[in-house]
Structure formats: structure tokens, C-alpha cells
């Protein structure tokens, strides 16, 4: 839980590096909170189309989105690469531009 709170406190810090344990423990806790939010949506009855994804999940996903990108960029920095590599798989036009500049 220490690494999860540390990642949230450093959501604005793109520079620097993230150790492997900090990165993976953040994503394990993030996954657990996502599953918990889906269960809460199902219990409360706020899920969309009965799939479990609802208002609580949506708020959590939007709240954690920037933190996920910044911790991923810091982990990519630890491999001596640019944080822009995470945009390569993006369906956005920015992903195409980064792909063209990298290769």
C-alpha cells in the first residue's frame, strides 16, 4: 500500500525513475481497487447495462488515469527510454507521430 500512495503523491512527477517493485505493486493495488469498484457498482445497482462498470468505476478510472501514465513514463525511464513509448500503441494520431519519430 506504501507504493500505491507514493505513486498517487507523485502523480505530477514525470521525471525520475520508478523501481520494478513500485511499478508492479501499484498496478496490483490498482487492479484490486478496480475490481472493488465494479463490485460496489453491482451491489449498489449503478452499473451500466449490467456489466458492473458504473459511476463509481468511472470516477475511479478518471481519478487514477494521470497517475497510471506518469508511473508508466517513470518506469520506461528506468529502462533508459523515452516516456513517449507508451503512446506508440495509442489509437490517437499522437501515437502515429511518436512512432514515426522513434523509428
PDB file of N, CA and C in Angstrom:
ATOM      1  N   UNK A   1       0.818  -1.179   0.000  1.00  0.00           N
ATOM      2  CA  UNK A   1       0.000   0.000   0.000  1.00  0.00           C
ATOM      3  C   UNK A   1       0.872   1.256   0.000  1.00  0.00           C
ATOM      4  N   UNK A   2       2.100   1.107   0.492  1.00  0.00           N
ATOM      5  CA  UNK A   2       3.019   2.239   0.539  1.00  0.00           C
ATOM      6  C   UNK A   2       3.332   2.735  -0.878  1.00  0.00           C
ATOM      7  N   UNK A   3       3.541   1.816  -1.795  1.00  0.00           N
ATOM      8  CA  UNK A   3       3.883   2.214  -3.162  1.00  0.00           C
ATOM      9  C   UNK A   3       2.694   2.806  -3.906  1.00  0.00           C
ATOM     10  N   UNK A   4       1.501   2.351  -3.572  1.00  0.00           N
ATOM     11  CA  UNK A   4       0.296   2.914  -4.190  1.00  0.00           C
ATOM     12  C   UNK A   4       0.130   4.377  -3.781  1.00  0.00           C
ATOM     13  N   UNK A   5       0.259   4.651  -2.494  1.00  0.00           N
ATOM     14  CA  UNK A   5       0.121   6.036  -2.035  1.00  0.00           C
ATOM     15  C   UNK A   5       1.283   6.896  -2.514  1.00  0.00           C
ATOM     16  N   UNK A   6       2.472   6.323  -2.636  1.00  0.00           N
ATOM     17  CA  UNK A   6       3.614   7.063  -3.157  1.00  0.00           C
ATOM     18  C   UNK A   6       3.402   7.453  -4.619  1.00  0.00           C
ATOM     19  N   UNK A   7       2.840   6.558  -5.403  1.00  0.00           N
ATOM     20  CA  UNK A   7       2.567   6.857  -6.808  1.00  0.00           C
ATOM     21  C   UNK A   7       1.511   7.943  -6.942  1.00  0.00           C
ATOM     22  N   UNK A   8       0.505   7.918  -6.084  1.00  0.00           N
ATOM     23  CA  UNK A   8      -0.531   8.946  -6.143  1.00  0.00           C
ATOM     24  C   UNK A   8       0.023  10.296  -5.711  1.00  0.00           C
ATOM     25  N   UNK A   9       0.925  10.308  -4.743  1.00  0.00           N
ATOM     26  CA  UNK A   9       1.539  11.567  -4.308  1.00  0.00           C
ATOM     27  C   UNK A   9       2.434  12.141  -5.397  1.00  0.00           C
ATOM     28  N   UNK A  10       3.044  11.300  -6.218  1.00  0.00           N
ATOM     29  CA  UNK A  10       3.943  11.746  -7.282  1.00  0.00           C
ATOM     30  C   UNK A  10       3.275  11.725  -8.646  1.00  0.00           C
ATOM     31  N   UNK A  11       1.959  11.949  -8.703  1.00  0.00           N
ATOM     32  CA  UNK A  11       1.256  11.873  -9.985  1.00  0.00           C
ATOM     33  C   UNK A  11       1.712  12.940 -10.960  1.00  0.00           C
ATOM     34  N   UNK A  12       2.261  14.037 -10.486  1.00  0.00           N
ATOM     35  CA  UNK A  12       2.688  15.139 -11.347  1.00  0.00           C
ATOM     36  C   UNK A  12       4.154  15.026 -11.760  1.00  0.00           C
ATOM     37  N   UNK A  13       4.879  14.065 -11.218  1.00  0.00           N
ATOM     38  CA  UNK A  13       6.308  13.932 -11.456  1.00  0.00           C
ATOM     39  C   UNK A  13       6.568  12.929 -12.579  1.00  0.00           C
ATOM     40  N   UNK A  14       6.909  13.435 -13.751  1.00  0.00           N
ATOM     41  CA  UNK A  14       7.210  12.550 -14.875  1.00  0.00           C
ATOM     42  C   UNK A  14       8.696  12.231 -14.913  1.00  0.00           C
ATOM     43  N   UNK A  15       9.512  13.135 -14.400  1.00  0.00           N
ATOM     44  CA  UNK A  15      10.959  12.918 -14.400  1.00  0.00           C
ATOM     45  C   UNK A  15      11.327  11.956 -13.286  1.00  0.00           C
ATOM     46  N   UNK A  16      12.421  11.289 -13.474  1.00  0.00           N
ATOM     47  CA  UNK A  16      12.870  10.336 -12.481  1.00  0.00           C
ATOM     48  C   UNK A  16      12.580   8.910 -12.912  1.00  0.00           C
ATOM     49  N   UNK A  17      12.741   8.012 -11.954  1.00  0.00           N
ATOM     50  CA  UNK A  17      12.588   6.597 -12.254  1.00  0.00           C
ATOM     51  C   UNK A  17      11.706   5.928 -11.214  1.00  0.00           C
ATOM     52  N   UNK A  18      11.123   4.824 -11.623  1.00  0.00           N
ATOM     53  CA  UNK A  18      10.306   4.000 -10.734  1.00  0.00           C
ATOM     54  C   UNK A  18      10.879   2.596 -10.735  1.00  0.00           C
ATOM     55  N   UNK A  19      11.096   2.072  -9.550  1.00  0.00           N
ATOM     56  CA  UNK A  19      11.614   0.713  -9.467  1.00  0.00           C
ATOM     57  C   UNK A  19      10.557  -0.283  -9.901  1.00  0.00           C
ATOM     58  N   UNK A  20      11.003  -1.454 -10.267  1.00  0.00           N
ATOM     59  CA  UNK A  20      10.108  -2.505 -10.733  1.00  0.00           C
ATOM     60  C   UNK A  20       9.081  -2.879  -9.671  1.00  0.00           C
ATOM     61  N   UNK A  21       9.508  -2.995  -8.434  1.00  0.00           N
ATOM     62  CA  UNK A  21       8.573  -3.377  -7.364  1.00  0.00           C
ATOM     63  C   UNK A  21       7.520  -2.295  -7.149  1.00  0.00           C
ATOM     64  N   UNK A  22       7.920  -1.032  -7.185  1.00  0.00           N
ATOM     65  CA  UNK A  22       6.955   0.058  -7.022  1.00  0.00           C
ATOM     66  C   UNK A  22       5.930   0.049  -8.146  1.00  0.00           C
ATOM     67  N   UNK A  23       6.395  -0.178  -9.369  1.00  0.00           N
ATOM     68  CA  UNK A  23       5.504  -0.197 -10.532  1.00  0.00           C
ATOM     69  C   UNK A  23       4.486  -1.323 -10.442  1.00  0.00           C
ATOM     70  N   UNK A  24       4.948  -2.538 -10.182  1.00  0.00           N
ATOM     71  CA  UNK A  24       4.036  -3.679 -10.191  1.00  0.00           C
ATOM     72  C   UNK A  24       3.124  -3.708  -8.977  1.00  0.00           C
ATOM     73  N   UNK A  25       3.614  -3.276  -7.827  1.00  0.00           N
ATOM     74  CA  UNK A  25       2.729  -3.226  -6.665  1.00  0.00           C
ATOM     75  C   UNK A  25       1.661  -2.159  -6.829  1.00  0.00           C
ATOM     76  N   UNK A  26       1.989  -1.058  -7.490  1.00  0.00           N
ATOM     77  CA  UNK A  26       0.962  -0.060  -7.789  1.00  0.00           C
ATOM     78  C   UNK A  26      -0.124  -0.665  -8.667  1.00  0.00           C
ATOM     79  N   UNK A  27       0.261  -1.389  -9.701  1.00  0.00           N
ATOM     80  CA  UNK A  27      -0.740  -1.960 -10.597  1.00  0.00           C
ATOM     81  C   UNK A  27      -1.533  -3.095  -9.951  1.00  0.00           C
ATOM     82  N   UNK A  28      -0.942  -3.816  -9.012  1.00  0.00           N
ATOM     83  CA  UNK A  28      -1.702  -4.843  -8.294  1.00  0.00           C
ATOM     84  C   UNK A  28      -2.778  -4.186  -7.433  1.00  0.00           C
ATOM     85  N   UNK A  29      -2.391  -3.140  -6.681  1.00  0.00           N
ATOM     86  CA  UNK A  29      -3.383  -2.431  -5.864  1.00  0.00           C
ATOM     87  C   UNK A  29      -4.414  -1.726  -6.744  1.00  0.00           C
ATOM     88  N   UNK A  30      -3.983  -1.180  -7.858  1.00  0.00           N
ATOM     89  CA  UNK A  30      -4.907  -0.525  -8.775  1.00  0.00           C
ATOM     90  C   UNK A  30      -5.939  -1.533  -9.305  1.00  0.00           C
ATOM     91  N   UNK A  31      -5.488  -2.711  -9.652  1.00  0.00           N
ATOM     92  CA  UNK A  31      -6.401  -3.751 -10.125  1.00  0.00           C
ATOM     93  C   UNK A  31      -7.393  -4.148  -9.033  1.00  0.00           C
ATOM     94  N   UNK A  32      -6.901  -4.270  -7.802  1.00  0.00           N
ATOM     95  CA  UNK A  32      -7.797  -4.629  -6.704  1.00  0.00           C
ATOM     96  C   UNK A  32      -8.855  -3.548  -6.486  1.00  0.00           C
ATOM     97  N   UNK A  33      -8.468  -2.280  -6.571  1.00  0.00           N
ATOM     98  CA  UNK A  33      -9.439  -1.199  -6.399  1.00  0.00           C
ATOM     99  C   UNK A  33     -10.418  -1.135  -7.571  1.00  0.00           C
ATOM    100  N   UNK A  34      -9.955  -1.477  -8.764  1.00  0.00           N
ATOM    101  CA  UNK A  34     -10.874  -1.522  -9.902  1.00  0.00           C
ATOM    102  C   UNK A  34     -11.929  -2.609  -9.709  1.00  0.00           C
ATOM    103  N   UNK A  35     -11.501  -3.782  -9.291  1.00  0.00           N
ATOM    104  CA  UNK A  35     -12.439  -4.883  -9.049  1.00  0.00           C
ATOM    105  C   UNK A  35     -13.401  -4.506  -7.925  1.00  0.00           C
ATOM    106  N   UNK A  36     -12.886  -3.866  -6.873  1.00  0.00           N
ATOM    107  CA  UNK A  36     -13.733  -3.432  -5.778  1.00  0.00           C
ATOM    108  C   UNK A  36     -14.780  -2.417  -6.246  1.00  0.00           C
ATOM    109  N   UNK A  37     -14.382  -1.495  -7.122  1.00  0.00           N
ATOM    110  CA  UNK A  37     -15.347  -0.507  -7.620  1.00  0.00           C
ATOM    111  C   UNK A  37     -16.415  -1.163  -8.497  1.00  0.00           C
ATOM    112  N   UNK A  38     -16.038  -2.176  -9.252  1.00  0.00           N
ATOM    113  CA  UNK A  38     -17.023  -2.896 -10.071  1.00  0.00           C
ATOM    114  C   UNK A  38     -17.994  -3.669  -9.176  1.00  0.00           C
ATOM    115  N   UNK A  39     -17.482  -4.281  -8.113  1.00  0.00           N
ATOM    116  CA  UNK A  39     -18.351  -4.998  -7.176  1.00  0.00           C
ATOM    117  C   UNK A  39     -19.299  -4.031  -6.483  1.00  0.00           C
ATOM    118  N   UNK A  40     -18.791  -2.869  -6.076  1.00  0.00           N
ATOM    119  CA  UNK A  40     -19.659  -1.879  -5.443  1.00  0.00           C
ATOM    120  C   UNK A  40     -20.738  -1.388  -6.399  1.00  0.00           C
ATOM    121  N   UNK A  41     -20.383  -1.200  -7.664  1.00  0.00           N
ATOM    122  CA  UNK A  41     -21.392  -0.802  -8.645  1.00  0.00           C
ATOM    123  C   UNK A  41     -22.473  -1.860  -8.788  1.00  0.00           C
ATOM    124  N   UNK A  42     -22.090  -3.112  -8.758  1.00  0.00           N
ATOM    125  CA  UNK A  42     -23.070  -4.193  -8.888  1.00  0.00           C
ATOM    126  C   UNK A  42     -23.970  -4.278  -7.667  1.00  0.00           C
ATOM    127  N   UNK A  43     -23.388  -4.083  -6.479  1.00  0.00           N
ATOM    128  CA  UNK A  43     -24.168  -4.155  -5.244  1.00  0.00           C
ATOM    129  C   UNK A  43     -25.145  -2.982  -5.151  1.00  0.00           C
ATOM    130  N   UNK A  44     -24.661  -1.792  -5.440  1.00  0.00           N
ATOM    131  CA  UNK A  44     -25.500  -0.595  -5.322  1.00  0.00           C
ATOM    132  C   UNK A  44     -26.519  -0.530  -6.456  1.00  0.00           C
ATOM    133  N   UNK A  45     -26.177  -1.082  -7.590  1.00  0.00           N
ATOM    134  CA  UNK A  45     -27.091  -1.069  -8.721  1.00  0.00           C
ATOM    135  C   UNK A  45     -26.884   0.104  -9.660  1.00  0.00           C
ATOM    136  N   UNK A  46     -25.681   0.663  -9.667  1.00  0.00           N
ATOM    137  CA  UNK A  46     -25.390   1.802 -10.547  1.00  0.00           C
ATOM    138  C   UNK A  46     -24.595   1.385 -11.775  1.00  0.00           C
ATOM    139  N   UNK A  47     -24.587   0.102 -12.094  1.00  0.00           N
ATOM    140  CA  UNK A  47     -23.798  -0.356 -13.238  1.00  0.00           C
ATOM    141  C   UNK A  47     -24.549  -0.112 -14.541  1.00  0.00           C
ATOM    142  N   UNK A  48     -23.774   0.114 -15.595  1.00  0.00           N
ATOM    143  CA  UNK A  48     -24.334   0.339 -16.921  1.00  0.00           C
ATOM    144  C   UNK A  48     -24.543  -1.004 -17.608  1.00  0.00           C
ATOM    145  N   UNK A  49     -25.697  -1.264 -18.120  1.00  0.00           N
ATOM    146  CA  UNK A  49     -26.016  -2.453 -18.902  1.00  0.00           C
ATOM    147  C   UNK A  49     -25.731  -3.761 -18.158  1.00  0.00           C
ATOM    148  N   UNK A  50     -25.663  -3.718 -16.846  1.00  0.00           N
ATOM    149  CA  UNK A  50     -25.456  -4.920 -16.052  1.00  0.00           C
ATOM    150  C   UNK A  50     -24.052  -5.482 -16.142  1.00  0.00           C
ATOM    151  N   UNK A  51     -23.109  -4.715 -16.663  1.00  0.00           N
ATOM    152  CA  UNK A  51     -21.753  -5.226 -16.854  1.00  0.00           C
ATOM    153  C   UNK A  51     -20.858  -4.968 -15.653  1.00  0.00           C
ATOM    154  N   UNK A  52     -21.328  -4.241 -14.644  1.00  0.00           N
ATOM    155  CA  UNK A  52     -20.515  -3.945 -13.478  1.00  0.00           C
ATOM    156  C   UNK A  52     -19.831  -2.601 -13.556  1.00  0.00           C
ATOM    157  N   UNK A  53     -19.570  -2.135 -14.752  1.00  0.00           N
ATOM    158  CA  UNK A  53     -18.944  -0.837 -14.919  1.00  0.00           C
ATOM    159  C   UNK A  53     -20.009   0.231 -14.718  1.00  0.00           C
ATOM    160  N   UNK A  54     -19.775   1.153 -13.783  1.00  0.00           N
ATOM    161  CA  UNK A  54     -20.772   2.170 -13.478  1.00  0.00           C
ATOM    162  C   UNK A  54     -20.143   3.454 -13.013  1.00  0.00           C
ATOM    163  N   UNK A  55     -20.903   4.220 -12.261  1.00  0.00           N
ATOM    164  CA  UNK A  55     -20.463   5.551 -11.852  1.00  0.00           C
ATOM    165  C   UNK A  55     -19.252   5.517 -10.934  1.00  0.00           C
ATOM    166  N   UNK A  56     -19.220   4.597 -10.001  1.00  0.00           N
ATOM    167  CA  UNK A  56     -18.079   4.509  -9.083  1.00  0.00           C
ATOM    168  C   UNK A  56     -16.825   4.136  -9.852  1.00  0.00           C
ATOM    169  N   UNK A  57     -16.922   3.173 -10.750  1.00  0.00           N
ATOM    170  CA  UNK A  57     -15.780   2.777 -11.574  1.00  0.00           C
ATOM    171  C   UNK A  57     -15.315   3.926 -12.456  1.00  0.00           C
ATOM    172  N   UNK A  58     -16.252   4.640 -13.043  1.00  0.00           N
ATOM    173  CA  UNK A  58     -15.913   5.755 -13.917  1.00  0.00           C
ATOM    174  C   UNK A  58     -15.163   6.850 -13.168  1.00  0.00           C
ATOM    175  N   UNK A  59     -15.625   7.181 -11.983  1.00  0.00           N
ATOM    176  CA  UNK A  59     -14.944   8.196 -11.171  1.00  0.00           C
ATOM    177  C   UNK A  59     -13.544   7.724 -10.798  1.00  0.00           C
ATOM    178  N   UNK A  60     -13.411   6.457 -10.409  1.00  0.00           N
ATOM    179  CA  UNK A  60     -12.092   5.935 -10.044  1.00  0.00           C
ATOM    180  C   UNK A  60     -11.147   5.924 -11.251  1.00  0.00           C
ATOM    181  N   UNK A  61     -11.622   5.478 -12.401  1.00  0.00           N
ATOM    182  CA  UNK A  61     -10.775   5.418 -13.588  1.00  0.00           C
ATOM    183  C   UNK A  61     -10.296   6.807 -13.993  1.00  0.00           C
ATOM    184  N   UNK A  62     -11.187   7.772 -13.965  1.00  0.00           N
ATOM    185  CA  UNK A  62     -10.785   9.138 -14.330  1.00  0.00           C
ATOM    186  C   UNK A  62      -9.834   9.735 -13.303  1.00  0.00           C
ATOM    187  N   UNK A  63     -10.012   9.380 -12.033  1.00  0.00           N
ATOM    188  CA  UNK A  63      -9.157   9.901 -10.981  1.00  0.00           C
ATOM    189  C   UNK A  63      -7.735   9.327 -11.091  1.00  0.00           C
ATOM    190  N   UNK A  64      -7.608   8.075 -11.487  1.00  0.00           N
ATOM    191  CA  UNK A  64      -6.309   7.400 -11.487  1.00  0.00           C
ATOM    192  C   UNK A  64      -5.602   7.470 -12.838  1.00  0.00           C
ATOM    193  N   UNK A  65      -6.241   7.997 -13.865  1.00  0.00           N
ATOM    194  CA  UNK A  65      -5.716   7.977 -15.232  1.00  0.00           C
ATOM    195  C   UNK A  65      -4.358   8.672 -15.358  1.00  0.00           C
ATOM    196  N   UNK A  66      -4.215   9.857 -14.829  1.00  0.00           N
ATOM    197  CA  UNK A  66      -2.956  10.590 -14.936  1.00  0.00           C
ATOM    198  C   UNK A  66      -1.850   9.866 -14.177  1.00  0.00           C
ATOM    199  N   UNK A  67      -2.185   9.308 -13.028  1.00  0.00           N
ATOM    200  CA  UNK A  67      -1.185   8.579 -12.244  1.00  0.00           C
ATOM    201  C   UNK A  67      -0.667   7.361 -13.000  1.00  0.00           C
ATOM    202  N   UNK A  68      -1.525   6.667 -13.711  1.00  0.00           N
ATOM    203  CA  UNK A  68      -1.109   5.496 -14.483  1.00  0.00           C
ATOM    204  C   UNK A  68      -0.119   5.908 -15.577  1.00  0.00           C
ATOM    205  N   UNK A  69      -0.405   7.010 -16.265  1.00  0.00           N
ATOM    206  CA  UNK A  69       0.515   7.460 -17.312  1.00  0.00           C
ATOM    207  C   UNK A  69       1.856   7.921 -16.746  1.00  0.00           C
ATOM    208  N   UNK A  70       1.835   8.634 -15.621  1.00  0.00           N
ATOM    209  CA  UNK A  70       3.100   9.125 -15.080  1.00  0.00           C
ATOM    210  C   UNK A  70       3.950   8.006 -14.507  1.00  0.00           C
ATOM    211  N   UNK A  71       3.339   7.037 -13.820  1.00  0.00           N
ATOM    212  CA  UNK A  71       4.158   5.946 -13.280  1.00  0.00           C
ATOM    213  C   UNK A  71       4.693   5.073 -14.416  1.00  0.00           C
ATOM    214  N   UNK A  72       3.932   4.943 -15.497  1.00  0.00           N
ATOM    215  CA  UNK A  72       4.429   4.188 -16.659  1.00  0.00           C
ATOM    216  C   UNK A  72       5.583   4.918 -17.320  1.00  0.00           C
ATOM    217  N   UNK A  73       5.495   6.236 -17.415  1.00  0.00           N
ATOM    218  CA  UNK A  73       6.592   7.014 -18.006  1.00  0.00           C
ATOM    219  C   UNK A  73       7.846   6.906 -17.145  1.00  0.00           C
ATOM    220  N   UNK A  74       7.695   6.954 -15.824  1.00  0.00           N
ATOM    221  CA  UNK A  74       8.862   6.819 -14.953  1.00  0.00           C
ATOM    222  C   UNK A  74       9.461   5.424 -15.034  1.00  0.00           C
ATOM    223  N   UNK A  75       8.630   4.409 -15.223  1.00  0.00           N
ATOM    224  CA  UNK A  75       9.161   3.039 -15.364  1.00  0.00           C
ATOM    225  C   UNK A  75       9.896   2.890 -16.690  1.00  0.00           C
ATOM    226  N   UNK A  76       9.376   3.507 -17.729  1.00  0.00           N
ATOM    227  CA  UNK A  76      10.069   3.454 -19.021  1.00  0.00           C
ATOM    228  C   UNK A  76      11.398   4.199 -18.941  1.00  0.00           C
ATOM    229  N   UNK A  77      11.458   5.277 -18.152  1.00  0.00           N
ATOM    230  CA  UNK A  77      12.726   5.983 -17.950  1.00  0.00           C
ATOM    231  C   UNK A  77      13.757   5.078 -17.290  1.00  0.00           C
ATOM    232  N   UNK A  78      13.301   4.169 -16.444  1.00  0.00           N
ATOM    233  CA  UNK A  78      14.225   3.257 -15.776  1.00  0.00           C
ATOM    234  C   UNK A  78      14.881   2.304 -16.759  1.00  0.00           C
ATOM    235  N   UNK A  79      14.258   2.084 -17.906  1.00  0.00           N
ATOM    236  CA  UNK A  79      14.857   1.242 -18.939  1.00  0.00           C
ATOM    237  C   UNK A  79      15.652   2.068 -19.944  1.00  0.00           C
ATOM    238  N   UNK A  80      15.934   3.332 -19.594  1.00  0.00           N
ATOM    239  CA  UNK A  80      16.720   4.260 -20.412  1.00  0.00           C
ATOM    240  C   UNK A  80      16.044   4.559 -21.748  1.00  0.00           C
ATOM    241  N   UNK A  81      14.736   4.685 -21.728  1.00  0.00           N
ATOM    242  CA  UNK A  81      13.965   5.026 -22.921  1.00  0.00           C
ATOM    243  C   UNK A  81      13.108   6.246 -22.625  1.00  0.00           C
ATOM    244  N   UNK A  82      12.517   6.786 -23.658  1.00  0.00           N
ATOM    245  CA  UNK A  82      11.648   7.937 -23.503  1.00  0.00           C
ATOM    246  C   UNK A  82      10.261   7.499 -23.062  1.00  0.00           C
ATOM    247  N   UNK A  83       9.596   8.336 -22.275  1.00  0.00           N
ATOM    248  CA  UNK A  83       8.239   8.044 -21.831  1.00  0.00           C
ATOM    249  C   UNK A  83       7.224   8.072 -22.956  1.00  0.00           C
ATOM    250  N   UNK A  84       7.631   8.578 -24.111  1.00  0.00           N
ATOM    251  CA  UNK A  84       6.724   8.643 -25.256  1.00  0.00           C
ATOM    252  C   UNK A  84       6.436   7.257 -25.850  1.00  0.00           C
ATOM    253  N   UNK A  85       7.212   6.270 -25.476  1.00  0.00           N
ATOM    254  CA  UNK A  85       6.979   4.924 -25.997  1.00  0.00           C
ATOM    255  C   UNK A  85       5.603   4.395 -25.645  1.00  0.00           C
ATOM    256  N   UNK A  86       5.015   4.858 -24.541  1.00  0.00           N
ATOM    257  CA  UNK A  86       3.696   4.357 -24.173  1.00  0.00           C
ATOM    258  C   UNK A  86       2.616   4.880 -25.104  1.00  0.00           C
ATOM    259  N   UNK A  87       2.913   5.895 -25.909  1.00  0.00           N
ATOM    260  CA  UNK A  87       1.941   6.395 -26.877  1.00  0.00           C
ATOM    261  C   UNK A  87       1.962   5.613 -28.187  1.00  0.00           C
ATOM    262  N   UNK A  88       2.926   4.746 -28.374  1.00  0.00           N
ATOM    263  CA  UNK A  88       3.027   4.013 -29.637  1.00  0.00           C
ATOM    264  C   UNK A  88       1.828   3.113 -29.882  1.00  0.00           C
ATOM    265  N   UNK A  89       1.251   2.547 -28.850  1.00  0.00           N
ATOM    266  CA  UNK A  89       0.098   1.685 -29.014  1.00  0.00           C
ATOM    267  C   UNK A  89      -1.214   2.444 -28.986  1.00  0.00           C
ATOM    268  N   UNK A  90      -1.125   3.747 -28.881  1.00  0.00           N
ATOM    269  CA  UNK A  90      -2.325   4.566 -28.781  1.00  0.00           C
ATOM    270  C   UNK A  90      -3.029   4.687 -30.128  1.00  0.00           C
ATOM    271  N   UNK A  91      -4.360   4.647 -30.133  1.00  0.00           N
ATOM    272  CA  UNK A  91      -5.076   4.829 -31.399  1.00  0.00           C
ATOM    273  C   UNK A  91      -5.139   6.287 -31.824  1.00  0.00           C
ATOM    274  N   UNK A  92      -4.607   7.176 -30.999  1.00  0.00           N
ATOM    275  CA  UNK A  92      -4.634   8.601 -31.310  1.00  0.00           C
ATOM    276  C   UNK A  92      -3.595   8.947 -32.374  1.00  0.00           C
ATOM    277  N   UNK A  93      -3.769  10.025 -33.096  1.00  0.00           N
ATOM    278  CA  UNK A  93      -2.754  10.444 -34.070  1.00  0.00           C
ATOM    279  C   UNK A  93      -1.405  10.728 -33.420  1.00  0.00           C
ATOM    280  N   UNK A  94      -1.400  11.097 -32.131  1.00  0.00           N
ATOM    281  CA  UNK A  94      -0.125  11.335 -31.446  1.00  0.00           C
ATOM    282  C   UNK A  94       0.707  10.063 -31.404  1.00  0.00           C
ATOM    283  N   UNK A  95       0.063   8.914 -31.282  1.00  0.00           N
ATOM    284  CA  UNK A  95       0.783   7.649 -31.289  1.00  0.00           C
ATOM    285  C   UNK A  95       1.491   7.412 -32.606  1.00  0.00           C
ATOM    286  N   UNK A  96       0.854   7.789 -33.700  1.00  0.00           N
ATOM    287  CA  UNK A  96       1.471   7.640 -35.008  1.00  0.00           C
ATOM    288  C   UNK A  96       2.679   8.559 -35.140  1.00  0.00           C
ATOM    289  N   UNK A  97       2.560   9.786 -34.651  1.00  0.00           N
ATOM    290  CA  UNK A  97       3.667  10.730 -34.745  1.00  0.00           C
ATOM    291  C   UNK A  97       4.857  10.285 -33.916  1.00  0.00           C
ATOM    292  N   UNK A  98       4.619   9.767 -32.734  1.00  0.00           N
ATOM    293  CA  UNK A  98       5.714   9.264 -31.904  1.00  0.00           C
ATOM    294  C   UNK A  98       6.344   8.070 -32.581  1.00  0.00           C
ATOM    295  N   UNK A  99       5.551   7.196 -33.162  1.00  0.00           N
ATOM    296  CA  UNK A  99       6.088   6.022 -33.849  1.00  0.00           C
ATOM    297  C   UNK A  99       6.988   6.444 -35.008  1.00  0.00           C
ATOM    298  N   UNK A 100       6.595   7.478 -35.731  1.00  0.00           N
ATOM    299  CA  UNK A 100       7.401   7.943 -36.854  1.00  0.00           C
ATOM    300  C   UNK A 100       8.717   8.550 -36.369  1.00  0.00           C
ATOM    301  N   UNK A 101       8.713   9.252 -35.229  1.00  0.00           N
ATOM    302  CA  UNK A 101       9.938   9.892 -34.759  1.00  0.00           C
ATOM    303  C   UNK A 101      10.882   8.896 -34.116  1.00  0.00           C
ATOM    304  N   UNK A 102      10.351   7.803 -33.556  1.00  0.00           N
ATOM    305  CA  UNK A 102      11.206   6.821 -32.892  1.00  0.00           C
ATOM    306  C   UNK A 102      11.918   5.956 -33.911  1.00  0.00           C
ATOM    307  N   UNK A 103      11.239   5.587 -34.968  1.00  0.00           N
ATOM    308  CA  UNK A 103      11.841   4.694 -35.947  1.00  0.00           C
ATOM    309  C   UNK A 103      12.258   5.415 -37.189  1.00  0.00           C
TER     310      UNK A 103
END
